[in-house]
């Protein structure tokens, strides 16, 4: 039981995860967070920022360009997996009962977001927790054109990894001691992204 608890603590703690598994585990988690229906439990934005920060402080010995590109590729592949999942299960997803990992409310929120913003949801949704996990699944479920999906997918992945990672890298490079306050920085990122998500949901409910 202690080993299982420790395993989940590593997965859900950005700094521990990167120190434990390096770039490989980072890419696996990014793939899962953007392509598997239970991936919403992972801290995607915080993970990217932490990776950039550790890269800037040399705690993660990976070139920044390689880090950005590999994360983007992993995110693209994750969304393709999500799209394939949605296409395979199709409308059955909307009749699926809630489980520990799957909640209809997450799918409904993503559906409302997608209906409002269309294909752009795949780009903007990259920056929103929960939404980024379910939007590609939804795109497959409603049988969106794959090549159109791929264009939005690549654009969103490049913007996501190409903004959050470099921000973390710059801060780590200029302020190495920021690593000592990483938990507060991540808390701030989480609060910002969750605030954006909640405000978006409230607006959609009003409309």
Protein backbone atom coordinates (compact mmCIF):
# COMPACT_ATOMS: atom_id res chain seq x y z
CA UNK A 1 0.00 0.00 0.00
CA UNK A 2 2.84 2.39 0.86
CA UNK A 3 4.49 1.69 -2.50
CA UNK A 4 1.24 2.50 -4.33
CA UNK A 5 0.83 5.72 -2.36
CA UNK A 6 4.43 6.71 -3.10
CA UNK A 7 3.89 5.93 -6.81
CA UNK A 8 0.89 8.28 -7.03
CA UNK A 9 2.72 10.96 -5.05
CA UNK A 10 5.47 10.88 -7.69
CA UNK A 11 2.99 11.00 -10.57
CA UNK A 12 1.10 13.95 -9.12
CA UNK A 13 4.14 15.92 -7.97
CA UNK A 14 5.80 17.62 -10.94
CA UNK A 15 9.27 18.00 -9.44
CA UNK A 16 9.39 14.48 -8.01
CA UNK A 17 8.14 13.02 -11.30
CA UNK A 18 10.85 14.70 -13.37
CA UNK A 19 13.61 13.89 -10.89
CA UNK A 20 12.45 10.27 -10.71
CA UNK A 21 11.83 9.50 -14.40
CA UNK A 22 13.46 12.33 -16.35
CA UNK A 23 12.35 13.21 -19.85
CA UNK A 24 10.96 9.74 -20.62
CA UNK A 25 8.46 9.68 -17.75
CA UNK A 26 7.57 13.32 -18.45
CA UNK A 27 6.62 12.46 -22.04
CA UNK A 28 4.62 9.40 -20.96
CA UNK A 29 2.58 11.49 -18.50
CA UNK A 30 2.01 14.26 -21.08
CA UNK A 31 0.78 11.62 -23.53
CA UNK A 32 -1.59 10.20 -20.91
CA UNK A 33 -2.84 13.63 -19.81
CA UNK A 34 -3.73 14.63 -23.35
CA UNK A 35 -4.97 11.32 -24.70
CA UNK A 36 -6.36 9.00 -22.02
CA UNK A 37 -9.73 9.68 -20.36
CA UNK A 38 -8.27 9.46 -16.82
CA UNK A 39 -5.34 11.71 -17.74
CA UNK A 40 -7.06 14.79 -16.32
CA UNK A 41 -5.68 13.82 -12.89
CA UNK A 42 -2.16 14.82 -13.99
CA UNK A 43 -0.89 18.42 -13.51
CA UNK A 44 -0.11 19.24 -17.15
CA UNK A 45 0.58 22.98 -16.99
CA UNK A 46 2.53 22.69 -13.76
CA UNK A 47 4.50 19.79 -15.23
CA UNK A 48 5.54 21.79 -18.30
CA UNK A 49 6.49 24.83 -16.23
CA UNK A 50 8.49 22.68 -13.79
CA UNK A 51 10.29 20.95 -16.67
CA UNK A 52 11.27 24.33 -18.10
CA UNK A 53 12.36 25.61 -14.69
CA UNK A 54 14.51 22.53 -14.01
CA UNK A 55 15.96 22.80 -17.50
CA UNK A 56 16.90 26.42 -16.78
CA UNK A 57 18.58 25.51 -13.47
CA UNK A 58 20.35 22.52 -15.12
CA UNK A 59 18.60 20.06 -12.80
CA UNK A 60 17.13 18.53 -15.95
CA UNK A 61 20.02 18.11 -18.37
CA UNK A 62 18.04 18.31 -21.61
CA UNK A 63 18.44 21.04 -24.28
CA UNK A 64 15.49 23.44 -24.15
CA UNK A 65 14.69 22.96 -27.86
CA UNK A 66 14.62 19.18 -27.49
CA UNK A 67 12.39 19.53 -24.42
CA UNK A 68 9.89 21.79 -26.19
CA UNK A 69 9.75 19.69 -29.38
CA UNK A 70 9.54 16.31 -27.62
CA UNK A 71 6.72 17.52 -25.35
CA UNK A 72 4.88 18.92 -28.38
CA UNK A 73 5.22 15.59 -30.21
CA UNK A 74 4.03 13.66 -27.14
CA UNK A 75 1.03 16.00 -26.79
CA UNK A 76 0.16 15.59 -30.49
CA UNK A 77 0.35 11.79 -30.21
CA UNK A 78 -1.74 11.90 -27.03
CA UNK A 79 -4.49 13.86 -28.77
CA UNK A 80 -4.46 11.44 -31.71
CA UNK A 81 -4.94 8.58 -29.22
CA UNK A 82 -7.81 10.51 -27.64
CA UNK A 83 -9.36 11.16 -31.04
CA UNK A 84 -9.11 7.44 -31.90
CA UNK A 85 -10.72 6.55 -28.56
CA UNK A 86 -13.63 8.92 -29.23
CA UNK A 87 -14.05 7.63 -32.76
CA UNK A 88 -14.07 4.02 -31.61
CA UNK A 89 -16.57 4.47 -28.78
CA UNK A 90 -18.53 7.19 -30.59
CA UNK A 91 -21.88 8.14 -29.09
CA UNK A 92 -21.60 5.37 -26.51
CA UNK A 93 -19.42 7.74 -24.48
CA UNK A 94 -22.45 9.95 -23.82
CA UNK A 95 -24.37 6.98 -22.35
CA UNK A 96 -21.43 5.67 -20.31
CA UNK A 97 -22.02 5.58 -16.56
CA UNK A 98 -19.73 7.41 -14.17
CA UNK A 99 -16.75 5.50 -12.82
CA UNK A 100 -13.82 6.46 -10.60
CA UNK A 101 -11.83 7.68 -13.64
CA UNK A 102 -14.66 8.71 -15.98
CA UNK A 103 -17.22 11.39 -15.19
CA UNK A 104 -19.99 12.50 -17.54
CA UNK A 105 -19.70 16.05 -16.23
CA UNK A 106 -16.17 16.32 -17.66
CA UNK A 107 -17.44 15.24 -21.07
CA UNK A 108 -20.39 17.65 -20.85
CA UNK A 109 -18.11 20.59 -19.98
CA UNK A 110 -15.84 19.74 -22.90
CA UNK A 111 -18.84 19.39 -25.20
CA UNK A 112 -20.16 22.84 -24.22
CA UNK A 113 -16.70 24.32 -24.73
CA UNK A 114 -16.38 22.63 -28.13
CA UNK A 115 -19.85 23.74 -29.29
CA UNK A 116 -19.02 27.34 -28.43
CA UNK A 117 -15.55 27.53 -29.96
CA UNK A 118 -15.50 24.74 -32.57
CA UNK A 119 -12.07 23.64 -33.79
CA UNK A 120 -10.38 26.49 -31.94
CA UNK A 121 -11.33 24.62 -28.76
CA UNK A 122 -8.56 22.16 -29.61
CA UNK A 123 -6.03 25.00 -29.48
CA UNK A 124 -7.35 27.00 -26.52
CA UNK A 125 -8.32 23.82 -24.69
CA UNK A 126 -4.65 22.91 -24.42
CA UNK A 127 -4.29 25.54 -21.71
CA UNK A 128 -7.27 24.34 -19.65
CA UNK A 129 -7.11 21.36 -17.27
CA UNK A 130 -9.72 18.62 -17.83
CA UNK A 131 -10.81 20.28 -21.09
CA UNK A 132 -7.55 19.34 -22.86
CA UNK A 133 -8.10 15.69 -21.93
CA UNK A 134 -11.66 15.38 -23.19
CA UNK A 135 -11.84 17.72 -26.22
CA UNK A 136 -9.85 15.38 -28.55
CA UNK A 137 -11.99 12.44 -27.39
CA UNK A 138 -15.07 14.50 -28.16
CA UNK A 139 -13.71 15.46 -31.59
CA UNK A 140 -13.40 11.77 -32.44
CA UNK A 141 -16.83 10.97 -31.04
CA UNK A 142 -18.54 13.54 -33.28
CA UNK A 143 -16.47 12.33 -36.27
CA UNK A 144 -14.54 15.54 -36.92
CA UNK A 145 -12.43 15.54 -40.10
CA UNK A 146 -9.11 13.97 -39.09
CA UNK A 147 -6.86 16.31 -41.12
CA UNK A 148 -8.63 19.38 -39.78
CA UNK A 149 -8.27 17.92 -36.29
CA UNK A 150 -4.57 17.29 -36.92
CA UNK A 151 -3.97 20.91 -37.93
CA UNK A 152 -5.57 22.23 -34.73
CA UNK A 153 -3.86 19.49 -32.73
CA UNK A 154 -0.34 20.38 -33.89
CA UNK A 155 -0.94 24.12 -33.55
CA UNK A 156 -2.23 23.76 -29.99
CA UNK A 157 0.59 21.42 -28.93
CA UNK A 158 3.31 23.72 -30.28
CA UNK A 159 1.77 26.80 -28.62
CA UNK A 160 1.27 24.95 -25.33
CA UNK A 161 4.80 23.56 -25.04
CA UNK A 162 6.33 26.59 -26.76
CA UNK A 163 5.01 29.07 -24.19
CA UNK A 164 4.83 27.40 -20.77
CA UNK A 165 8.18 25.58 -20.96
CA UNK A 166 10.20 28.63 -22.08
CA UNK A 167 8.58 30.75 -19.33
CA UNK A 168 9.75 28.22 -16.75
CA UNK A 169 13.15 28.03 -18.43
CA UNK A 170 13.62 31.81 -18.35
CA UNK A 171 12.67 32.02 -14.66
CA UNK A 172 14.96 29.11 -13.79
CA UNK A 173 17.82 30.69 -15.74
CA UNK A 174 17.43 34.17 -14.26
CA UNK A 175 16.30 33.20 -10.75
CA UNK A 176 17.81 29.79 -9.81
CA UNK A 177 16.60 30.17 -6.22
CA UNK A 178 13.00 30.09 -7.48
CA UNK A 179 13.34 26.31 -7.30
CA UNK A 180 13.11 26.65 -3.50
CA UNK A 181 9.64 28.18 -3.91
CA UNK A 182 8.43 25.86 -6.66
CA UNK A 183 5.36 24.64 -4.76
CA UNK A 184 4.06 28.22 -4.45
CA UNK A 185 4.68 28.96 -8.11
CA UNK A 186 2.85 25.78 -9.13
CA UNK A 187 0.00 26.64 -6.76
CA UNK A 188 -0.25 30.01 -8.51
CA UNK A 189 -0.34 28.37 -11.95
CA UNK A 190 -3.01 25.94 -10.78
CA UNK A 191 -5.14 28.73 -9.34
CA UNK A 192 -4.88 30.76 -12.58
CA UNK A 193 -5.80 27.85 -14.86
CA UNK A 194 -8.63 26.70 -12.60
CA UNK A 195 -9.97 30.27 -12.39
CA UNK A 196 -10.03 30.49 -16.18
CA UNK A 197 -11.78 27.12 -16.39
CA UNK A 198 -14.40 27.99 -13.75
CA UNK A 199 -15.13 31.39 -15.30
CA UNK A 200 -15.57 29.77 -18.69
CA UNK A 201 -17.99 27.19 -17.28
CA UNK A 202 -20.01 29.88 -15.48
CA UNK A 203 -20.27 31.95 -18.67
CA UNK A 204 -21.41 28.93 -20.69
CA UNK A 205 -24.04 28.06 -18.07
CA UNK A 206 -25.40 31.62 -18.14
CA UNK A 207 -25.68 31.51 -21.92
